[in-house]
């Protein structure tokens, strides 16, 4: 099973919905466990698209605007990331790495 990376095809949709007509800024929760804002609700300044990749532009710690890939706000995608005390790597991945270096 391949884990998600920063350039995922999952970015072809936007997680969450904009609040229409309420005048309130949209907020979303960051579910990606390795993001500095993990577990926090963040204010969405706007949505941004580049090709088939979708991002939220959010207000960061120091009030600068940064791009957050939408998949990082999807709990179903991010639940695949597990923090463990001991590292774990699939045997197939190790064999692939050996093959790569054998042909390098």
N, C-alpha and C. Protein backbone atom coordinates (compact mmCIF):
# COMPACT_ATOMS: atom_id res chain seq x y z
N UNK A 1 0.84 -1.17 0.00
CA UNK A 1 0.00 0.00 0.00
C UNK A 1 0.89 1.24 0.00
N UNK A 2 0.64 2.14 -0.90
CA UNK A 2 1.44 3.36 -1.01
C UNK A 2 0.77 4.46 -0.21
N UNK A 3 1.54 5.14 0.61
CA UNK A 3 0.99 6.23 1.39
C UNK A 3 0.94 7.50 0.57
N UNK A 4 0.10 8.39 1.00
CA UNK A 4 -0.08 9.66 0.32
C UNK A 4 1.18 10.51 0.43
N UNK A 5 1.42 11.33 -0.56
CA UNK A 5 2.51 12.29 -0.52
C UNK A 5 1.93 13.67 -0.75
N UNK A 6 2.78 14.66 -0.80
CA UNK A 6 2.29 16.03 -0.98
C UNK A 6 1.65 16.25 -2.34
N UNK A 7 1.99 15.46 -3.36
CA UNK A 7 1.42 15.64 -4.69
C UNK A 7 0.48 14.49 -5.03
N UNK A 8 -0.64 14.45 -4.38
CA UNK A 8 -1.58 13.35 -4.53
C UNK A 8 -2.64 13.61 -5.58
N UNK A 9 -3.13 12.54 -6.21
CA UNK A 9 -4.29 12.71 -7.07
C UNK A 9 -5.55 12.99 -6.27
N UNK A 10 -5.51 12.80 -4.93
CA UNK A 10 -6.68 13.06 -4.09
C UNK A 10 -7.06 14.54 -4.08
N UNK A 11 -6.22 15.39 -4.62
CA UNK A 11 -6.48 16.82 -4.56
C UNK A 11 -7.44 17.27 -5.66
N UNK A 12 -8.17 16.34 -6.25
CA UNK A 12 -9.11 16.71 -7.31
C UNK A 12 -10.45 17.15 -6.76
N UNK A 13 -10.57 17.30 -5.47
CA UNK A 13 -11.80 17.77 -4.86
C UNK A 13 -11.45 18.69 -3.71
N UNK A 14 -12.45 19.40 -3.24
CA UNK A 14 -12.28 20.23 -2.05
C UNK A 14 -12.99 19.56 -0.89
N UNK A 15 -12.29 19.35 0.19
CA UNK A 15 -12.94 18.86 1.40
C UNK A 15 -13.66 20.03 2.05
N UNK A 16 -14.84 19.79 2.52
CA UNK A 16 -15.60 20.84 3.19
C UNK A 16 -16.35 21.72 2.21
N UNK A 17 -17.16 22.62 2.73
CA UNK A 17 -17.95 23.52 1.91
C UNK A 17 -17.77 24.95 2.42
N UNK A 18 -17.87 25.88 1.49
CA UNK A 18 -17.82 27.28 1.88
C UNK A 18 -19.14 27.67 2.54
N UNK A 19 -19.06 28.53 3.52
CA UNK A 19 -20.28 29.05 4.13
C UNK A 19 -20.81 30.16 3.25
N UNK A 20 -21.89 29.90 2.57
CA UNK A 20 -22.44 30.87 1.63
C UNK A 20 -23.36 31.86 2.34
N UNK A 21 -23.15 33.13 2.12
CA UNK A 21 -24.06 34.15 2.58
C UNK A 21 -24.00 34.44 4.08
N UNK A 22 -23.26 33.70 4.84
CA UNK A 22 -23.22 33.93 6.28
C UNK A 22 -22.28 35.06 6.66
N UNK A 23 -21.36 35.40 5.75
CA UNK A 23 -20.38 36.43 6.05
C UNK A 23 -19.26 35.94 6.95
N UNK A 24 -19.38 34.70 7.44
CA UNK A 24 -18.34 34.14 8.30
C UNK A 24 -17.27 33.47 7.46
N UNK A 25 -16.00 33.61 7.85
CA UNK A 25 -14.96 32.89 7.11
C UNK A 25 -15.09 31.39 7.35
N UNK A 26 -14.74 30.63 6.35
CA UNK A 26 -14.75 29.18 6.47
C UNK A 26 -13.58 28.73 7.33
N UNK A 27 -13.79 27.70 8.10
CA UNK A 27 -12.67 27.11 8.83
C UNK A 27 -12.69 25.61 8.60
N UNK A 28 -11.50 25.02 8.61
CA UNK A 28 -11.34 23.59 8.38
C UNK A 28 -10.37 23.05 9.42
N UNK A 29 -10.43 21.74 9.64
CA UNK A 29 -9.53 21.10 10.60
C UNK A 29 -8.43 20.38 9.85
N UNK A 30 -7.19 20.53 10.31
CA UNK A 30 -6.05 19.87 9.71
C UNK A 30 -5.92 18.47 10.32
N UNK A 31 -6.04 17.43 9.49
CA UNK A 31 -5.98 16.05 9.96
C UNK A 31 -4.63 15.37 9.69
N UNK A 32 -3.77 15.99 8.90
CA UNK A 32 -2.48 15.39 8.58
C UNK A 32 -1.57 15.48 9.80
N UNK A 33 -1.16 14.32 10.39
CA UNK A 33 -0.46 14.34 11.67
C UNK A 33 0.93 14.97 11.66
N UNK A 34 1.52 15.19 10.49
CA UNK A 34 2.87 15.76 10.44
C UNK A 34 2.86 17.24 10.08
N UNK A 35 1.69 17.84 10.04
CA UNK A 35 1.59 19.27 9.77
C UNK A 35 1.65 20.03 11.09
N UNK A 36 2.32 21.19 11.13
CA UNK A 36 2.43 21.93 12.40
C UNK A 36 1.08 22.35 12.98
N UNK A 37 0.05 22.43 12.16
CA UNK A 37 -1.28 22.82 12.66
C UNK A 37 -2.19 21.62 12.87
N UNK A 38 -1.62 20.42 12.99
CA UNK A 38 -2.40 19.20 13.16
C UNK A 38 -3.40 19.33 14.31
N UNK A 39 -4.65 18.93 14.02
CA UNK A 39 -5.69 18.94 15.04
C UNK A 39 -6.34 20.28 15.28
N UNK A 40 -5.87 21.32 14.62
CA UNK A 40 -6.40 22.66 14.84
C UNK A 40 -7.37 23.07 13.73
N UNK A 41 -8.31 23.91 14.09
CA UNK A 41 -9.18 24.55 13.11
C UNK A 41 -8.44 25.77 12.57
N UNK A 42 -8.42 25.92 11.25
CA UNK A 42 -7.74 27.06 10.64
C UNK A 42 -8.72 27.83 9.76
N UNK A 43 -8.48 29.11 9.65
CA UNK A 43 -9.32 29.98 8.84
C UNK A 43 -8.91 29.87 7.37
N UNK A 44 -9.88 29.64 6.50
CA UNK A 44 -9.62 29.57 5.07
C UNK A 44 -9.79 30.96 4.49
N UNK A 45 -8.73 31.47 3.89
CA UNK A 45 -8.77 32.78 3.26
C UNK A 45 -9.42 32.66 1.88
N UNK A 46 -9.02 31.62 1.15
CA UNK A 46 -9.62 31.33 -0.16
C UNK A 46 -9.19 29.95 -0.59
N UNK A 47 -9.75 29.50 -1.70
CA UNK A 47 -9.37 28.22 -2.30
C UNK A 47 -8.55 28.50 -3.55
N UNK A 48 -7.63 27.59 -3.85
CA UNK A 48 -6.72 27.80 -4.97
C UNK A 48 -6.52 26.48 -5.70
N UNK A 49 -6.42 26.55 -7.02
CA UNK A 49 -6.23 25.37 -7.85
C UNK A 49 -5.03 25.58 -8.75
N UNK A 50 -4.21 24.53 -8.88
CA UNK A 50 -3.13 24.54 -9.85
C UNK A 50 -3.17 23.20 -10.55
N UNK A 51 -3.57 23.21 -11.83
CA UNK A 51 -3.77 21.96 -12.55
C UNK A 51 -4.91 21.20 -11.90
N UNK A 52 -4.64 19.93 -11.54
CA UNK A 52 -5.68 19.15 -10.87
C UNK A 52 -5.46 19.10 -9.36
N UNK A 53 -4.58 19.94 -8.85
CA UNK A 53 -4.29 19.97 -7.43
C UNK A 53 -5.05 21.12 -6.78
N UNK A 54 -5.65 20.85 -5.64
CA UNK A 54 -6.47 21.83 -4.95
C UNK A 54 -5.87 22.14 -3.58
N UNK A 55 -5.96 23.40 -3.23
CA UNK A 55 -5.38 23.88 -1.97
C UNK A 55 -6.36 24.82 -1.29
N UNK A 56 -6.23 24.90 0.02
CA UNK A 56 -6.82 26.00 0.77
C UNK A 56 -5.70 26.99 1.03
N UNK A 57 -5.98 28.25 0.90
CA UNK A 57 -5.05 29.29 1.35
C UNK A 57 -5.52 29.62 2.76
N UNK A 58 -4.64 29.37 3.73
CA UNK A 58 -5.02 29.54 5.14
C UNK A 58 -4.13 30.60 5.79
N UNK A 59 -4.64 31.12 6.89
CA UNK A 59 -3.87 32.07 7.69
C UNK A 59 -3.01 31.26 8.66
N UNK A 60 -1.69 31.43 8.58
CA UNK A 60 -0.75 30.64 9.37
C UNK A 60 -0.47 31.33 10.70
N UNK A 61 0.47 30.76 11.49
CA UNK A 61 0.79 31.26 12.83
C UNK A 61 1.00 32.78 12.87
N UNK A 62 1.84 33.26 11.96
CA UNK A 62 2.23 34.68 11.99
C UNK A 62 1.36 35.54 11.07
N UNK A 63 0.15 35.07 10.78
CA UNK A 63 -0.82 35.76 9.93
C UNK A 63 -0.38 35.86 8.48
N UNK A 64 0.58 35.03 8.06
CA UNK A 64 0.90 34.94 6.64
C UNK A 64 -0.04 33.91 6.02
N UNK A 65 -0.28 34.04 4.73
CA UNK A 65 -1.12 33.09 4.03
C UNK A 65 -0.26 32.00 3.41
N UNK A 66 -0.63 30.74 3.65
CA UNK A 66 0.09 29.60 3.11
C UNK A 66 -0.90 28.65 2.44
N UNK A 67 -0.38 27.84 1.52
CA UNK A 67 -1.21 26.85 0.82
C UNK A 67 -1.21 25.54 1.59
N UNK A 68 -2.40 25.01 1.81
CA UNK A 68 -2.57 23.72 2.49
C UNK A 68 -3.30 22.80 1.52
N UNK A 69 -2.66 21.70 1.08
CA UNK A 69 -3.35 20.76 0.18
C UNK A 69 -4.65 20.27 0.84
N UNK A 70 -5.71 20.21 0.07
CA UNK A 70 -7.01 19.83 0.63
C UNK A 70 -7.01 18.44 1.23
N UNK A 71 -6.16 17.53 0.71
CA UNK A 71 -6.15 16.17 1.25
C UNK A 71 -5.71 16.14 2.70
N UNK A 72 -4.98 17.16 3.15
CA UNK A 72 -4.54 17.21 4.54
C UNK A 72 -5.69 17.52 5.50
N UNK A 73 -6.85 17.88 4.95
CA UNK A 73 -8.02 18.14 5.79
C UNK A 73 -9.02 16.99 5.70
N UNK A 74 -8.65 15.93 5.02
CA UNK A 74 -9.53 14.77 4.85
C UNK A 74 -9.15 13.70 5.87
N UNK A 75 -10.03 13.46 6.84
CA UNK A 75 -9.73 12.51 7.92
C UNK A 75 -9.53 11.09 7.38
N UNK A 76 -10.26 10.71 6.34
CA UNK A 76 -10.13 9.35 5.80
C UNK A 76 -8.77 9.11 5.18
N UNK A 77 -8.25 10.08 4.49
CA UNK A 77 -6.92 9.94 3.89
C UNK A 77 -5.85 9.95 4.98
N UNK A 78 -5.97 10.87 5.91
CA UNK A 78 -4.93 11.06 6.92
C UNK A 78 -4.92 9.98 7.98
N UNK A 79 -5.99 9.22 8.13
CA UNK A 79 -5.98 8.15 9.14
C UNK A 79 -5.03 7.03 8.77
N UNK A 80 -4.57 6.99 7.52
CA UNK A 80 -3.61 5.97 7.10
C UNK A 80 -2.22 6.23 7.65
N UNK A 81 -1.98 7.45 8.11
CA UNK A 81 -0.68 7.78 8.69
C UNK A 81 -0.69 7.39 10.16
N UNK A 82 0.22 6.52 10.53
CA UNK A 82 0.27 6.01 11.89
C UNK A 82 1.64 6.34 12.48
N UNK A 83 1.63 6.96 13.64
CA UNK A 83 2.88 7.27 14.32
C UNK A 83 3.20 6.07 15.22
N UNK A 84 4.39 5.49 14.99
CA UNK A 84 4.80 4.32 15.75
C UNK A 84 6.14 4.58 16.43
N UNK A 85 6.39 3.85 17.52
CA UNK A 85 7.68 3.99 18.21
C UNK A 85 8.80 3.39 17.38
N UNK A 86 8.53 2.27 16.73
CA UNK A 86 9.54 1.60 15.91
C UNK A 86 9.19 1.78 14.44
N UNK A 87 10.20 2.06 13.60
CA UNK A 87 9.93 2.22 12.17
C UNK A 87 9.45 0.92 11.55
N UNK A 88 8.63 1.05 10.53
CA UNK A 88 8.09 -0.11 9.83
C UNK A 88 8.14 0.19 8.33
N UNK A 89 8.62 -0.76 7.56
CA UNK A 89 8.68 -0.60 6.12
C UNK A 89 8.25 -1.91 5.47
N UNK A 90 7.41 -1.80 4.45
CA UNK A 90 6.92 -2.99 3.76
C UNK A 90 8.08 -3.69 3.05
N UNK A 91 8.04 -5.01 3.05
CA UNK A 91 9.08 -5.81 2.40
C UNK A 91 9.15 -5.48 0.91
N UNK A 92 8.01 -5.27 0.29
CA UNK A 92 7.99 -4.93 -1.14
C UNK A 92 8.72 -3.61 -1.40
N UNK A 93 8.58 -2.66 -0.49
CA UNK A 93 9.26 -1.37 -0.65
C UNK A 93 10.77 -1.55 -0.53
N UNK A 94 11.21 -2.39 0.39
CA UNK A 94 12.65 -2.65 0.53
C UNK A 94 13.21 -3.35 -0.69
N UNK A 95 12.46 -4.32 -1.23
CA UNK A 95 12.92 -5.00 -2.44
C UNK A 95 12.98 -4.04 -3.62
N UNK A 96 12.02 -3.15 -3.70
CA UNK A 96 12.03 -2.15 -4.76
C UNK A 96 13.25 -1.24 -4.65
N UNK A 97 13.60 -0.89 -3.43
CA UNK A 97 14.77 -0.05 -3.20
C UNK A 97 16.05 -0.78 -3.60
N UNK A 98 16.14 -2.06 -3.29
CA UNK A 98 17.30 -2.87 -3.68
C UNK A 98 17.39 -2.93 -5.20
N UNK A 99 16.26 -3.18 -5.88
CA UNK A 99 16.23 -3.19 -7.34
C UNK A 99 16.68 -1.88 -7.93
N UNK A 100 16.25 -0.79 -7.32
CA UNK A 100 16.63 0.53 -7.80
C UNK A 100 18.15 0.71 -7.75
N UNK A 101 18.75 0.36 -6.61
CA UNK A 101 20.18 0.54 -6.48
C UNK A 101 20.97 -0.46 -7.33
N UNK A 102 20.41 -1.62 -7.58
CA UNK A 102 21.07 -2.60 -8.45
C UNK A 102 21.17 -2.08 -9.89
N UNK A 103 20.24 -1.25 -10.30
CA UNK A 103 20.22 -0.70 -11.67
C UNK A 103 20.72 0.73 -11.73
N UNK A 104 21.27 1.21 -10.68
CA UNK A 104 21.72 2.60 -10.61
C UNK A 104 23.05 2.77 -11.28
